[in-house]
C-alpha atoms as a PDB file:
ATOM      1  CA  MET A   1       8.199  46.289  -6.308  1.00  0.00           C
ATOM      2  CA  LEU A   2       5.372  46.506  -3.753  1.00  0.00           C
ATOM      3  CA  TYR A   3       2.945  45.187  -6.382  1.00  0.00           C
ATOM      4  CA  ALA A   4       5.172  42.144  -7.078  1.00  0.00           C
ATOM      5  CA  SER A   5       5.327  41.336  -3.348  1.00  0.00           C
ATOM      6  CA  ALA A   6       1.537  41.521  -3.064  1.00  0.00           C
ATOM      7  CA  VAL A   7       1.090  39.246  -6.076  1.00  0.00           C
ATOM      8  CA  THR A   8       3.630  36.785  -4.671  1.00  0.00           C
ATOM      9  CA  ALA A   9       1.834  36.800  -1.300  1.00  0.00           C
ATOM     10  CA  MET A  10      -1.509  36.130  -3.010  1.00  0.00           C
ATOM     11  CA  VAL A  11      -0.041  33.275  -5.057  1.00  0.00           C
ATOM     12  CA  VAL A  12       1.496  31.715  -1.945  1.00  0.00           C
ATOM     13  CA  ALA A  13      -1.797  32.090  -0.064  1.00  0.00           C
ATOM     14  CA  ALA A  14      -3.726  30.521  -2.956  1.00  0.00           C
ATOM     15  CA  LEU A  15      -1.299  27.615  -3.099  1.00  0.00           C
ATOM     16  CA  GLY A  16      -1.703  27.175   0.651  1.00  0.00           C
ATOM     17  CA  VAL A  17      -5.491  27.049   0.322  1.00  0.00           C
ATOM     18  CA  VAL A  18      -5.310  24.572  -2.572  1.00  0.00           C
ATOM     19  CA  GLY A  19      -2.849  22.413  -0.620  1.00  0.00           C
ATOM     20  CA  GLY A  20      -5.064  22.524   2.457  1.00  0.00           C
ATOM     21  CA  VAL A  21      -8.157  21.513   0.484  1.00  0.00           C
ATOM     22  CA  TRP A  22      -6.233  18.702  -1.228  1.00  0.00           C
ATOM     23  CA  TRP A  23      -4.994  17.421   2.142  1.00  0.00           C
ATOM     24  CA  TRP A  24      -8.490  17.607   3.674  1.00  0.00           C
ATOM     25  CA  LEU A  25     -10.036  15.710   0.746  1.00  0.00           C
ATOM     26  CA  ARG A  26      -7.356  13.049   0.971  1.00  0.00           C
ATOM     27  CA  VAL A  27      -7.915  12.578   4.740  1.00  0.00           C
ATOM     28  CA  ARG A  28     -11.686  12.465   4.224  1.00  0.00           C
ATOM     29  CA  ARG A  29     -11.362   9.883   1.449  1.00  0.00           C
ATOM     30  CA  ARG A  30      -9.038   7.732   3.543  1.00  0.00           C
ATOM     31  CA  HIS A  31     -11.426   7.953   6.523  1.00  0.00           C
ATOM     32  CA  GLU A  32     -14.338   6.902   4.315  1.00  0.00           C
ATOM     33  CA  ILE A  33     -12.439   3.809   3.174  1.00  0.00           C
ATOM     34  CA  GLU A  34     -11.315   3.037   6.743  1.00  0.00           C
ATOM     35  CA  GLN A  35     -14.886   2.150   7.733  1.00  0.00           C
ATOM     36  CA  TYR A  36     -14.601  -0.705   5.214  1.00  0.00           C
ATOM     37  CA  ALA A  37     -11.440  -2.140   6.805  1.00  0.00           C
ATOM     38  CA  ILE A  38     -11.131  -5.097   9.143  1.00  0.00           C
ATOM     39  CA  ASP A  39      -8.080  -6.462  10.924  1.00  0.00           C
ATOM     40  CA  ALA A  40      -6.687  -9.989  10.874  1.00  0.00           C
ATOM     41  CA  GLU A  41      -8.461 -11.008  14.106  1.00  0.00           C
ATOM     42  CA  GLU A  42     -11.842  -9.929  12.736  1.00  0.00           C
ATOM     43  CA  LEU A  43     -11.236 -11.766   9.467  1.00  0.00           C
ATOM     44  CA  ARG A  44     -10.162 -14.925  11.263  1.00  0.00           C
ATOM     45  CA  SER A  45     -13.318 -14.786  13.374  1.00  0.00           C
ATOM     46  CA  LEU A  46     -15.493 -14.261  10.295  1.00  0.00           C
ATOM     47  CA  LEU A  47     -13.879 -17.149   8.453  1.00  0.00           C
ATOM     48  CA  GLU A  48     -14.360 -19.453  11.450  1.00  0.00           C
ATOM     49  CA  THR A  49     -18.006 -18.539  12.009  1.00  0.00           C
ATOM     50  CA  GLU A  50     -19.396 -17.639   8.583  1.00  0.00           C
ATOM     51  CA  SER A  51     -18.887 -19.764   5.517  1.00  0.00           C
ATOM     52  CA  LYS A  52     -20.488 -17.094   3.328  1.00  0.00           C
ATOM     53  CA  VAL A  53     -17.563 -14.648   3.549  1.00  0.00           C
ATOM     54  CA  LEU A  54     -15.587 -14.623   0.322  1.00  0.00           C
ATOM     55  CA  LEU A  55     -11.885 -13.805   0.438  1.00  0.00           C
ATOM     56  CA  PHE A  56      -9.991 -12.383  -2.540  1.00  0.00           C
ATOM     57  CA  ASP A  57      -6.241 -12.038  -3.001  1.00  0.00           C
ATOM     58  CA  VAL A  58      -5.815  -8.935  -5.168  1.00  0.00           C
ATOM     59  CA  ARG A  59      -2.042  -8.606  -5.067  1.00  0.00           C
ATOM     60  CA  LEU A  60      -0.069  -7.415  -8.039  1.00  0.00           C
ATOM     61  CA  PRO A  61       1.603 -10.264  -9.929  1.00  0.00           C
ATOM     62  CA  LEU A  62       5.127  -9.260  -8.853  1.00  0.00           C
ATOM     63  CA  ASP A  63       4.027  -9.331  -5.202  1.00  0.00           C
ATOM     64  CA  LEU A  64       2.543 -12.767  -5.748  1.00  0.00           C
ATOM     65  CA  LEU A  65       5.787 -13.889  -7.366  1.00  0.00           C
ATOM     66  CA  ALA A  66       7.816 -12.602  -4.390  1.00  0.00           C
ATOM     67  CA  TYR A  67       5.436 -14.068  -1.783  1.00  0.00           C
ATOM     68  CA  SER A  68       3.828 -17.106  -3.364  1.00  0.00           C
ATOM     69  CA  GLU A  69       1.511 -17.874  -0.493  1.00  0.00           C
ATOM     70  CA  MET A  70      -2.030 -16.871   0.312  1.00  0.00           C
ATOM     71  CA  ILE A  71      -4.649 -17.047   3.023  1.00  0.00           C
ATOM     72  CA  PRO A  72      -6.427 -20.417   2.921  1.00  0.00           C
ATOM     73  CA  GLY A  73      -9.730 -20.197   1.093  1.00  0.00           C
ATOM     74  CA  ALA A  74      -8.817 -17.048  -0.823  1.00  0.00           C
ATOM     75  CA  LYS A  75      -9.421 -16.754  -4.529  1.00  0.00           C
ATOM     76  CA  ARG A  76      -6.838 -14.875  -6.577  1.00  0.00           C
ATOM     77  CA  ILE A  77      -8.078 -12.154  -8.925  1.00  0.00           C
ATOM     78  CA  ALA A  78      -5.683  -9.727 -10.599  1.00  0.00           C
ATOM     79  CA  PRO A  79      -6.280  -6.091  -9.562  1.00  0.00           C
ATOM     80  CA  LYS A  80      -6.500  -5.029 -13.196  1.00  0.00           C
ATOM     81  CA  GLU A  81      -9.393  -7.443 -13.773  1.00  0.00           C
ATOM     82  CA  ILE A  82     -11.347  -6.271 -10.720  1.00  0.00           C
ATOM     83  CA  LEU A  83     -10.819  -2.586 -11.459  1.00  0.00           C
ATOM     84  CA  ALA A  84     -12.072  -3.184 -14.989  1.00  0.00           C
ATOM     85  CA  ASP A  85     -15.035  -5.245 -13.761  1.00  0.00           C
ATOM     86  CA  PRO A  86     -15.781  -5.046 -10.007  1.00  0.00           C
ATOM     87  CA  THR A  87     -18.761  -7.342 -10.538  1.00  0.00           C
ATOM     88  CA  LEU A  88     -16.251 -10.221 -10.481  1.00  0.00           C
ATOM     89  CA  ILE A  89     -16.840  -9.965  -6.732  1.00  0.00           C
ATOM     90  CA  PRO A  90     -20.519 -10.560  -5.921  1.00  0.00           C
ATOM     91  CA  ALA A  91     -22.249  -7.482  -4.473  1.00  0.00           C
ATOM     92  CA  ASP A  92     -24.790  -9.471  -2.472  1.00  0.00           C
ATOM     93  CA  VAL A  93     -22.363 -11.353  -0.187  1.00  0.00           C
ATOM     94  CA  ASP A  94     -19.738 -10.283   2.337  1.00  0.00           C
ATOM     95  CA  ALA A  95     -16.311 -10.159   0.737  1.00  0.00           C
ATOM     96  CA  VAL A  96     -12.820  -9.216   1.913  1.00  0.00           C
ATOM     97  CA  VAL A  97      -9.941  -8.219  -0.355  1.00  0.00           C
ATOM     98  CA  TYR A  98      -6.276  -8.126   0.588  1.00  0.00           C
ATOM     99  CA  CYS A  99      -2.958  -7.228  -0.971  1.00  0.00           C
ATOM    100  CA  THR A 100       0.669  -6.935   0.171  1.00  0.00           C
ATOM    101  CA  CYS A 101       1.129  -3.154   0.019  1.00  0.00           C
ATOM    102  CA  ALA A 102       1.959  -1.635   3.408  1.00  0.00           C
ATOM    103  CA  SER A 103      -0.660   1.052   2.793  1.00  0.00           C
ATOM    104  CA  GLU A 104      -3.155  -1.431   1.300  1.00  0.00           C
ATOM    105  CA  GLU A 105      -3.212   0.812  -1.770  1.00  0.00           C
ATOM    106  CA  THR A 106      -4.351  -1.893  -4.202  1.00  0.00           C
ATOM    107  CA  SER A 107      -7.143  -3.010  -1.865  1.00  0.00           C
ATOM    108  CA  ARG A 108      -8.143   0.604  -1.209  1.00  0.00           C
ATOM    109  CA  GLU A 109      -8.400   1.349  -4.922  1.00  0.00           C
ATOM    110  CA  ILE A 110     -10.603  -1.706  -5.422  1.00  0.00           C
ATOM    111  CA  ILE A 111     -12.826  -0.675  -2.493  1.00  0.00           C
ATOM    112  CA  ARG A 112     -13.100   2.895  -3.879  1.00  0.00           C
ATOM    113  CA  ARG A 113     -14.185   1.561  -7.264  1.00  0.00           C
ATOM    114  CA  ALA A 114     -16.655  -0.878  -5.712  1.00  0.00           C
ATOM    115  CA  LEU A 115     -18.168   1.829  -3.480  1.00  0.00           C
ATOM    116  CA  SER A 116     -18.651   4.070  -6.489  1.00  0.00           C
ATOM    117  CA  MET A 117     -20.702   1.257  -8.028  1.00  0.00           C
ATOM    118  CA  GLY A 118     -22.867   0.789  -4.935  1.00  0.00           C
ATOM    119  CA  PHE A 119     -21.105  -2.186  -3.332  1.00  0.00           C
ATOM    120  CA  ARG A 120     -21.398  -1.962   0.460  1.00  0.00           C
ATOM    121  CA  ARG A 121     -20.525  -5.477   1.643  1.00  0.00           C
ATOM    122  CA  MET A 122     -16.869  -5.429   0.609  1.00  0.00           C
ATOM    123  CA  LYS A 123     -14.034  -4.828   3.070  1.00  0.00           C
ATOM    124  CA  LEU A 124     -10.257  -4.691   2.947  1.00  0.00           C
ATOM    125  CA  LEU A 125      -7.883  -6.522   5.246  1.00  0.00           C
ATOM    126  CA  ARG A 126      -5.914  -3.943   7.226  1.00  0.00           C
ATOM    127  CA  GLY A 127      -2.230  -4.903   6.989  1.00  0.00           C
ATOM    128  CA  GLY A 128      -2.918  -7.276   4.117  1.00  0.00           C
ATOM    129  CA  LEU A 129      -1.166 -10.618   3.912  1.00  0.00           C
ATOM    130  CA  GLU A 130       1.661  -9.408   6.147  1.00  0.00           C
ATOM    131  CA  GLY A 131      -0.796  -8.400   8.877  1.00  0.00           C
ATOM    132  CA  TRP A 132      -2.375 -11.858   8.660  1.00  0.00           C
ATOM    133  CA  LYS A 133       0.991 -13.630   8.872  1.00  0.00           C
ATOM    134  CA  ALA A 134       2.174 -11.376  11.730  1.00  0.00           C
ATOM    135  CA  LYS A 135      -0.629 -12.826  13.856  1.00  0.00           C
ATOM    136  CA  GLY A 136       0.656 -16.335  13.133  1.00  0.00           C
ATOM    137  CA  TYR A 137      -2.403 -17.269  11.093  1.00  0.00           C
ATOM    138  CA  PRO A 138      -1.982 -19.959   8.435  1.00  0.00           C
ATOM    139  CA  VAL A 139      -1.050 -19.442   4.812  1.00  0.00           C
ATOM    140  CA  GLU A 140      -0.850 -21.916   1.984  1.00  0.00           C
ATOM    141  CA  PRO A 141       1.318 -22.013  -1.129  1.00  0.00           C
ATOM    142  CA  TYR A 142      -0.057 -20.449  -4.281  1.00  0.00           C
ATOM    143  CA  LYS A 143       0.584 -22.862  -7.141  1.00  0.00           C
ATOM    144  CA  GLU A 144      -1.559 -21.635 -10.028  1.00  0.00           C
ATOM    145  CA  SER A 145      -0.038 -19.887 -13.020  1.00  0.00           C
ATOM    146  CA  PHE A 146      -0.528 -16.160 -13.541  1.00  0.00           C
ATOM    147  CA  ARG A 147       0.544 -13.371 -15.868  1.00  0.00           C
ATOM    148  CA  LEU A 148       3.197 -10.870 -14.819  1.00  0.00           C
ATOM    149  CA  ASP A 149       1.142  -7.900 -15.989  1.00  0.00           C
ATOM    150  CA  THR A 150       2.119  -5.191 -13.472  1.00  0.00           C
ATOM    151  CA  SER A 151      -0.440  -2.531 -14.313  1.00  0.00           C
ATOM    152  CA  VAL A 152      -3.227  -1.757 -11.848  1.00  0.00           C
END
């Protein structure tokens, strides 16, 4: 009985260590991506002062269907296409991606993939389209056709 308690205690301790390491890695990864985030005010300022900043709407098709508007000047690229080929966004110019997810998960995944390929001039819009609209900044209707492929 004493042996079983010791084994159980070791298993619980090991699970605690694994959970702690997993949590630490997740926080570290999120912090790394955070340095590539800008807020709506910064983006607005960039768009007003620099014509060389490219803006990409990387929302999932269902999000685009639900909110068929976008930030003026943005180009729509499906997340699946960018994740398959991040070179669709030029590496030698400043670029900003945005989505609709509250946690910017689609944008974060695209940034992670781009960073792994050496891209350093790409950023994500903190708060995405909703953060932009919350500041009262303009949007325009999205009228192009798109596929309802929901995979990322």
